[in-house]
Amino acid sequence: PQNPLSNGIPRFLSQDGIELQLDAWRSQPTTPGKRSSIQDGEIWKTLRGTDGNLFDNTAERQDADELRIGITLGFDGFNYQRSSNAGSHSSGVMSSCVANLPTHLRYVSMSSRFPCPKELDSDQLQFFMKDYVDDLLQLYDGGIIIKTSKYPEGQRVRVILVAVCCDHPAMCKVCVFGNHSKKEGFCSRCHIPQSKLKTEDAMEHDKFPRRDGLQHRKHAEEYNGLGAKEQDDFFTKHSARWFELARLPYFDPVRMTVIDPMHRFLLGLLISPGIIKTQWFNAWVQTNVLRQRTAKVERELDEIHGLLSTFEMPSWVARLPDQVGYPAGGSLTSDEWKGLALVFCPIVVSYCRV
């Protein structure tokens, strides 16, 4: 079932004090040249409304009594039911988070869940995205009138999408870029080929031609007018399909699509591991800096396990598996990778005899 934004926003604005929190970002100090929040970015500062003026909520603009809300869109698939006696069932969740809010409140989201048992492909997802974009266009073009504690007679509220934030496979479905299996066109930012991904050239800024958001939208529109066989050939060549967000007149799929920090820093991507995983597993465990036990001798990993067993931590800090670093320890969740990086490793590794 989908929960339209136009239904969720009135309930969201009915919370006590939420109107003040929506404007709290204006009083935050900023440092020139430093970006510490989404409001410091160029997208937030340059998006325009239907009147051609900046889509902002400052007192200096026209229609200053209107409430302008910026949202981020997230999408991910997950297996909610798995056992040795039953098959895997995959569903998908799309969430809209209010970017105006302070960080500790921002991820209170209005969500929609998509059907299982199989994870949606990009074309199937676009079928469900159509209603979402229809609603978003209405909220951008005309807005809706909502009665709030500050405006009991009603206030016009407009909404704009400022970013799509998800992992790489989901990003490829929402904005329809090529996935990790393509030799070219898998990157949403530039035209780096797969053969160059693990070379020094990949580390050099602007080494490869940048992708262009307008060109990607143009390819999406061209794809929509082709037959099934032509569409397959077109996607192979251009790494682009039709996507519903292309109907938003302001949306730039290249500049406004980002990999979420959880996958980029913690869990990693299909095309590359996360930074924390790279340091722990690839740089330390696989290279035997932190060695596994032999038949007779315990090594650094076992020493780490012994130290970890002495930790007394708050309940909200994720516990690590007893055999972390060994195959028996399994794959870590994002909370476990975060705990490993921020809490456990800085203390424990310094005590190891490496």
Protein backbone atom coordinates (compact mmCIF):
# COMPACT_ATOMS: atom_id res chain seq x y z
CA PRO A 1 0.00 0.00 0.00
CA GLN A 2 1.11 3.51 -0.77
CA ASN A 3 0.79 6.44 1.60
CA PRO A 4 0.65 9.59 -0.58
CA LEU A 5 2.62 12.59 0.59
CA SER A 6 -0.54 14.68 0.41
CA ASN A 7 -2.01 12.40 3.10
CA GLY A 8 1.10 12.13 5.24
CA ILE A 9 2.06 15.80 5.39
CA PRO A 10 -1.12 17.02 7.19
CA ARG A 11 -0.57 14.38 9.90
CA PHE A 12 3.09 15.29 10.03
CA LEU A 13 2.34 19.00 10.53
CA SER A 14 -0.16 18.26 13.28
CA GLN A 15 2.69 17.39 15.69
CA ASP A 16 3.33 19.91 18.45
CA GLY A 17 6.22 22.23 17.71
CA ILE A 18 7.00 20.80 14.30
CA GLU A 19 6.49 24.12 12.49
CA LEU A 20 9.27 25.71 14.54
CA GLN A 21 11.56 22.76 13.90
CA LEU A 22 11.04 23.12 10.13
CA ASP A 23 12.66 26.54 10.26
CA ALA A 24 15.37 25.72 12.81
CA TRP A 25 17.97 25.33 10.04
CA ARG A 26 17.86 29.09 9.36
CA SER A 27 19.41 29.91 12.72
CA GLN A 28 22.30 27.44 12.36
CA PRO A 29 25.69 29.14 11.90
CA THR A 30 27.45 28.47 8.61
CA THR A 31 31.12 28.59 7.67
CA PRO A 32 32.05 29.76 4.16
CA GLY A 33 33.46 26.88 2.14
CA LYS A 34 32.24 24.24 4.61
CA ARG A 35 29.14 22.14 4.03
CA SER A 36 27.76 20.65 7.21
CA SER A 37 24.12 20.19 6.19
CA ILE A 38 21.99 19.75 3.09
CA GLN A 39 21.06 23.44 3.29
CA ASP A 40 24.70 24.34 2.55
CA GLY A 41 24.60 22.56 -0.81
CA GLU A 42 24.02 24.09 -4.21
CA ILE A 43 20.85 22.07 -4.89
CA TRP A 44 19.01 23.44 -1.86
CA LYS A 45 20.08 26.97 -2.70
CA THR A 46 19.26 26.93 -6.43
CA LEU A 47 16.06 24.90 -6.93
CA ARG A 48 13.24 27.05 -8.30
CA GLY A 49 9.49 27.02 -7.88
CA THR A 50 6.78 27.22 -10.51
CA ASP A 51 7.00 31.03 -10.52
CA GLY A 52 10.65 30.89 -11.58
CA ASN A 53 11.88 32.24 -8.26
CA LEU A 54 13.97 30.25 -5.81
CA PHE A 55 12.00 27.55 -4.00
CA ASP A 56 12.88 28.92 -0.59
CA ASN A 57 11.06 29.75 2.61
CA THR A 58 12.74 33.03 3.50
CA ALA A 59 10.82 36.09 4.61
CA GLU A 60 12.19 38.08 1.66
CA ARG A 61 10.47 36.03 -1.05
CA GLN A 62 6.96 36.44 -2.43
CA ASP A 63 4.22 34.40 -0.74
CA ALA A 64 6.27 34.35 2.46
CA ASP A 65 3.36 32.79 4.37
CA GLU A 66 3.63 29.62 2.32
CA LEU A 67 5.45 26.69 3.90
CA ARG A 68 8.09 25.23 1.59
CA ILE A 69 9.25 21.71 2.40
CA GLY A 70 12.20 19.89 0.83
CA ILE A 71 12.21 16.09 0.97
CA THR A 72 14.63 13.29 0.17
CA LEU A 73 13.45 10.03 -1.37
CA GLY A 74 14.81 6.65 -0.35
CA PHE A 75 14.08 3.19 -1.69
CA ASP A 76 15.38 -0.23 -0.73
CA GLY A 77 14.41 -3.87 -1.02
CA PHE A 78 14.57 -6.33 1.86
CA ASN A 79 13.81 -9.95 2.71
CA TYR A 80 11.40 -9.89 5.62
CA GLN A 81 10.86 -13.67 5.84
CA ARG A 82 13.52 -16.33 5.43
CA SER A 83 13.94 -19.83 6.80
CA SER A 84 15.29 -23.23 5.79
CA ASN A 85 11.72 -24.39 5.15
CA ALA A 86 10.43 -21.45 3.13
CA GLY A 87 11.57 -19.52 0.12
CA SER A 88 12.86 -15.98 0.18
CA HIS A 89 10.24 -13.21 0.01
CA SER A 90 11.40 -9.77 -1.05
CA SER A 91 9.53 -6.52 -0.66
CA GLY A 92 10.44 -2.88 -1.17
CA VAL A 93 9.97 0.28 0.88
CA MET A 94 10.00 3.87 -0.38
CA SER A 95 10.39 6.63 2.20
CA SER A 96 10.19 10.42 2.02
CA CYS A 97 12.17 12.26 4.69
CA VAL A 98 11.79 15.95 5.52
CA ALA A 99 15.14 17.66 4.83
CA ASN A 100 14.12 20.93 6.56
CA LEU A 101 14.28 19.24 9.95
CA PRO A 102 17.31 19.00 12.25
CA THR A 103 19.27 15.78 11.78
CA HIS A 104 17.86 14.05 14.86
CA LEU A 105 14.29 14.51 13.54
CA ARG A 106 14.87 14.33 9.78
CA TYR A 107 14.42 10.61 9.38
CA VAL A 108 10.87 10.50 10.60
CA SER A 109 9.53 9.36 7.26
CA MET A 110 6.31 8.83 5.34
CA SER A 111 6.59 5.44 3.68
CA SER A 112 5.05 3.15 1.09
CA ARG A 113 5.58 -0.58 0.81
CA PHE A 114 5.62 -2.45 -2.48
CA PRO A 115 4.45 -6.03 -3.04
CA CYS A 116 6.40 -9.27 -2.83
CA PRO A 117 7.36 -12.12 -3.27
CA LYS A 118 9.92 -10.98 -5.85
CA GLU A 119 11.94 -7.77 -5.77
CA LEU A 120 10.69 -5.27 -8.34
CA ASP A 121 12.75 -4.63 -11.44
CA SER A 122 13.16 -1.07 -12.70
CA ASP A 123 10.15 -1.11 -15.04
CA GLN A 124 7.88 -2.60 -12.37
CA LEU A 125 9.02 0.02 -9.87
CA GLN A 126 8.18 2.83 -12.31
CA PHE A 127 4.58 1.56 -12.39
CA PHE A 128 4.28 2.32 -8.67
CA MET A 129 6.38 5.48 -8.91
CA LYS A 130 3.80 7.07 -11.24
CA ASP A 131 1.31 7.79 -8.43
CA TYR A 132 4.09 9.11 -6.21
CA VAL A 133 5.25 11.55 -8.90
CA ASP A 134 1.66 12.60 -9.70
CA ASP A 135 1.22 13.54 -6.05
CA LEU A 136 4.60 15.28 -5.90
CA LEU A 137 3.76 17.36 -8.98
CA GLN A 138 0.53 18.50 -7.35
CA LEU A 139 2.39 19.46 -4.17
CA TYR A 140 4.94 21.42 -6.22
CA ASP A 141 2.61 23.14 -8.70
CA GLY A 142 -0.35 24.15 -6.54
CA GLY A 143 0.44 22.84 -3.10
CA ILE A 144 -2.25 21.99 -0.57
CA ILE A 145 -3.99 24.03 2.13
CA ILE A 146 -3.38 22.64 5.61
CA LYS A 147 -4.70 23.94 8.92
CA THR A 148 -1.99 24.10 11.56
CA SER A 149 -1.68 25.50 15.08
CA LYS A 150 0.15 28.55 13.67
CA TYR A 151 -2.32 28.98 10.78
CA PRO A 152 -5.74 27.78 12.03
CA GLU A 153 -7.42 29.15 8.87
CA GLY A 154 -5.08 27.17 6.68
CA GLN A 155 -1.65 27.59 5.11
CA ARG A 156 -0.49 26.68 1.61
CA VAL A 157 2.22 24.04 1.71
CA ARG A 158 4.43 23.22 -1.27
CA VAL A 159 6.87 20.31 -1.50
CA ILE A 160 9.95 19.76 -3.66
CA LEU A 161 12.26 16.76 -4.04
CA VAL A 162 15.86 17.73 -3.27
CA ALA A 163 17.61 14.33 -3.47
CA VAL A 164 17.25 10.61 -4.09
CA CYS A 165 19.34 8.81 -1.49
CA CYS A 166 19.75 5.01 -1.62
CA ASP A 167 22.24 2.24 -2.40
CA HIS A 168 23.54 1.66 -5.93
CA PRO A 169 21.15 -1.16 -7.00
CA ALA A 170 18.14 0.83 -5.79
CA MET A 171 19.45 4.00 -7.42
CA CYS A 172 19.68 2.14 -10.73
CA LYS A 173 15.99 1.24 -10.43
CA VAL A 174 14.68 4.62 -9.26
CA CYS A 175 16.62 6.79 -11.74
CA VAL A 176 17.45 3.94 -14.12
CA PHE A 177 21.20 4.05 -14.51
CA GLY A 178 23.18 0.99 -15.61
CA ASN A 179 23.91 -1.51 -12.83
CA HIS A 180 27.26 -2.89 -11.68
CA SER A 181 27.31 -5.63 -14.34
CA LYS A 182 27.63 -3.20 -17.25
CA LYS A 183 31.07 -2.59 -18.70
CA GLU A 184 30.18 1.08 -19.15
CA GLY A 185 27.43 3.34 -17.82
CA PHE A 186 27.24 1.93 -14.27
CA CYS A 187 28.39 5.16 -12.62
CA SER A 188 25.80 7.89 -12.10
CA ARG A 189 28.44 10.64 -12.10
CA CYS A 190 30.82 9.96 -14.98
CA HIS A 191 31.56 7.67 -17.90
CA ILE A 192 34.26 5.58 -16.27
CA PRO A 193 34.45 2.07 -17.76
CA GLN A 194 34.47 -0.99 -15.52
CA SER A 195 38.02 -1.80 -16.67
CA LYS A 196 39.30 1.44 -15.08
CA LEU A 197 37.44 1.15 -11.77
CA LYS A 198 40.38 -0.27 -9.78
CA THR A 199 43.14 1.81 -11.33
CA GLU A 200 44.86 5.04 -10.31
CA ASP A 201 42.83 6.86 -12.98
CA ALA A 202 39.68 6.16 -10.94
CA MET A 203 41.13 8.17 -8.05
CA GLU A 204 41.73 11.26 -10.16
CA HIS A 205 39.01 13.90 -10.05
CA ASP A 206 37.37 14.66 -13.43
CA LYS A 207 39.52 12.07 -15.20
CA PHE A 208 36.48 10.80 -17.11
CA PRO A 209 33.70 12.78 -18.86
CA ARG A 210 30.87 13.73 -16.54
CA ARG A 211 27.34 12.46 -17.08
CA ASP A 212 24.75 15.08 -17.88
CA GLY A 213 21.35 15.11 -16.17
CA LEU A 214 19.53 16.72 -19.11
CA GLN A 215 21.00 14.15 -21.48
CA HIS A 216 19.90 11.32 -19.18
CA ARG A 217 16.35 12.71 -19.12
CA LYS A 218 16.39 13.03 -22.90
CA HIS A 219 17.46 9.40 -23.24
CA ALA A 220 14.67 8.39 -20.83
CA GLU A 221 12.08 10.11 -23.03
CA GLU A 222 13.51 8.52 -26.18
CA TYR A 223 13.41 5.09 -24.52
CA ASN A 224 9.74 5.54 -23.66
CA GLY A 225 8.82 5.80 -27.34
CA LEU A 226 10.58 2.63 -28.50
CA GLY A 227 9.40 -0.95 -28.94
CA ALA A 228 10.50 -3.74 -26.59
CA LYS A 229 13.42 -4.98 -28.74
CA GLU A 230 14.57 -1.45 -29.50
CA GLN A 231 14.41 -0.58 -25.81
CA ASP A 232 16.84 -3.38 -24.90
CA ASP A 233 19.33 -2.21 -27.53
CA PHE A 234 18.88 1.41 -26.43
CA PHE A 235 19.61 0.58 -22.79
CA THR A 236 22.71 -1.40 -23.77
CA LYS A 237 24.02 1.64 -25.61
CA HIS A 238 22.97 4.50 -23.32
CA SER A 239 22.40 2.91 -19.87
CA ALA A 240 19.07 4.75 -19.61
CA ARG A 241 15.40 3.79 -19.43
CA TRP A 242 12.23 5.71 -18.73
CA PHE A 243 11.83 6.79 -15.11
CA GLU A 244 8.89 8.66 -13.59
CA LEU A 245 10.99 11.26 -11.76
CA ALA A 246 11.89 12.63 -15.21
CA ARG A 247 8.43 14.27 -15.17
CA LEU A 248 9.56 16.62 -12.40
CA PRO A 249 10.61 19.76 -14.29
CA TYR A 250 13.41 20.62 -11.84
CA PHE A 251 14.87 17.15 -11.25
CA ASP A 252 18.47 16.47 -12.32
CA PRO A 253 19.08 12.70 -11.92
CA VAL A 254 22.87 13.10 -11.98
CA ARG A 255 23.28 15.95 -9.48
CA MET A 256 20.35 14.98 -7.24
CA THR A 257 21.02 11.25 -6.81
CA VAL A 258 23.47 10.16 -4.10
CA ILE A 259 24.64 6.95 -2.46
CA ASP A 260 23.44 6.90 1.14
CA PRO A 261 26.15 7.03 3.85
CA MET A 262 25.12 3.71 5.41
CA HIS A 263 26.10 1.81 2.26
CA ARG A 264 28.98 4.05 1.22
CA PHE A 265 30.79 3.97 4.58
CA LEU A 266 29.48 0.89 6.38
CA LEU A 267 27.90 -1.87 4.30
CA GLY A 268 29.56 -1.15 0.99
CA LEU A 269 28.20 -1.53 -2.55
CA LEU A 270 28.03 -4.27 -5.11
CA ILE A 271 30.75 -2.49 -7.10
CA SER A 272 32.98 -1.78 -4.10
CA PRO A 273 33.06 -2.47 -0.33
CA GLY A 274 32.35 0.18 2.26
CA ILE A 275 35.23 2.18 3.71
CA ILE A 276 34.96 0.57 7.16
CA LYS A 277 34.73 -2.94 5.70
CA THR A 278 37.72 -2.21 3.46
CA GLN A 279 39.87 -1.19 6.43
CA TRP A 280 38.83 -4.02 8.76
CA PHE A 281 38.49 -6.98 6.43
CA ASN A 282 40.48 -6.20 3.28
CA ALA A 283 43.36 -4.25 4.86
CA TRP A 284 43.68 -6.06 8.21
CA VAL A 285 42.10 -9.53 8.13
CA GLN A 286 42.82 -10.64 4.56
CA THR A 287 46.43 -9.41 4.69
CA ASN A 288 47.05 -11.17 8.03
CA VAL A 289 47.77 -7.99 9.95
CA LEU A 290 45.13 -9.42 12.29
CA ARG A 291 45.87 -13.16 12.04
CA GLN A 292 43.57 -16.10 12.61
CA ARG A 293 44.45 -18.84 15.07
CA THR A 294 46.47 -21.87 14.10
CA ALA A 295 45.93 -25.39 15.43
CA LYS A 296 48.08 -24.63 18.48
CA VAL A 297 48.46 -20.87 18.78
CA GLU A 298 45.92 -18.11 19.24
CA ARG A 299 46.56 -14.95 17.24
CA GLU A 300 45.45 -11.29 17.12
CA LEU A 301 41.81 -11.99 16.21
CA ASP A 302 41.44 -14.22 19.26
CA GLU A 303 43.06 -11.55 21.40
CA ILE A 304 40.48 -9.08 20.07
CA HIS A 305 37.67 -11.51 20.91
CA GLY A 306 38.95 -11.78 24.46
CA LEU A 307 39.02 -8.02 24.87
CA LEU A 308 35.57 -7.62 23.34
CA SER A 309 34.13 -10.05 25.88
CA THR A 310 35.09 -7.63 28.67
CA PHE A 311 33.17 -4.65 27.23
CA GLU A 312 30.19 -3.29 29.14
CA MET A 313 28.17 -1.20 26.71
CA PRO A 314 24.77 0.56 26.66
CA SER A 315 21.94 -1.47 25.15
CA TRP A 316 21.72 0.82 22.13
CA VAL A 317 25.29 -0.04 20.99
CA ALA A 318 25.29 -3.03 18.64
CA ARG A 319 27.04 -6.17 19.89
CA LEU A 320 29.59 -7.83 17.62
CA PRO A 321 29.47 -11.57 16.79
CA ASP A 322 31.71 -13.72 19.02
CA GLN A 323 33.78 -14.80 16.01
CA VAL A 324 33.98 -11.45 14.20
CA GLY A 325 36.73 -11.64 11.58
CA TYR A 326 36.27 -15.39 11.06
CA PRO A 327 33.85 -16.87 8.48
CA ALA A 328 31.76 -18.16 11.40
CA GLY A 329 31.21 -14.54 12.44
CA GLY A 330 29.02 -13.97 9.40
CA SER A 331 28.25 -10.64 7.75
CA LEU A 332 27.88 -7.58 9.93
CA THR A 333 24.89 -5.25 9.91
CA SER A 334 25.33 -1.50 9.45
CA ASP A 335 24.95 -0.95 13.22
CA GLU A 336 27.65 -3.54 13.89
CA TRP A 337 30.05 -1.96 11.38
CA LYS A 338 29.37 1.43 12.98
CA GLY A 339 30.07 0.05 16.45
CA LEU A 340 33.23 -1.63 15.21
CA ALA A 341 34.54 1.61 13.68
CA LEU A 342 33.53 4.13 16.33
CA VAL A 343 33.62 2.19 19.60
CA PHE A 344 35.36 -1.18 19.58
CA CYS A 345 38.29 -0.87 17.14
CA PRO A 346 39.75 2.42 18.44
CA ILE A 347 40.05 0.86 21.90
CA VAL A 348 40.74 -2.83 21.23
CA VAL A 349 43.22 -2.68 18.34
CA SER A 350 45.55 -0.43 20.31
CA TYR A 351 45.94 -3.23 22.89
CA CYS A 352 46.78 -5.95 20.35
CA ARG A 353 50.37 -7.08 19.90
CA VAL A 354 50.46 -6.43 16.14
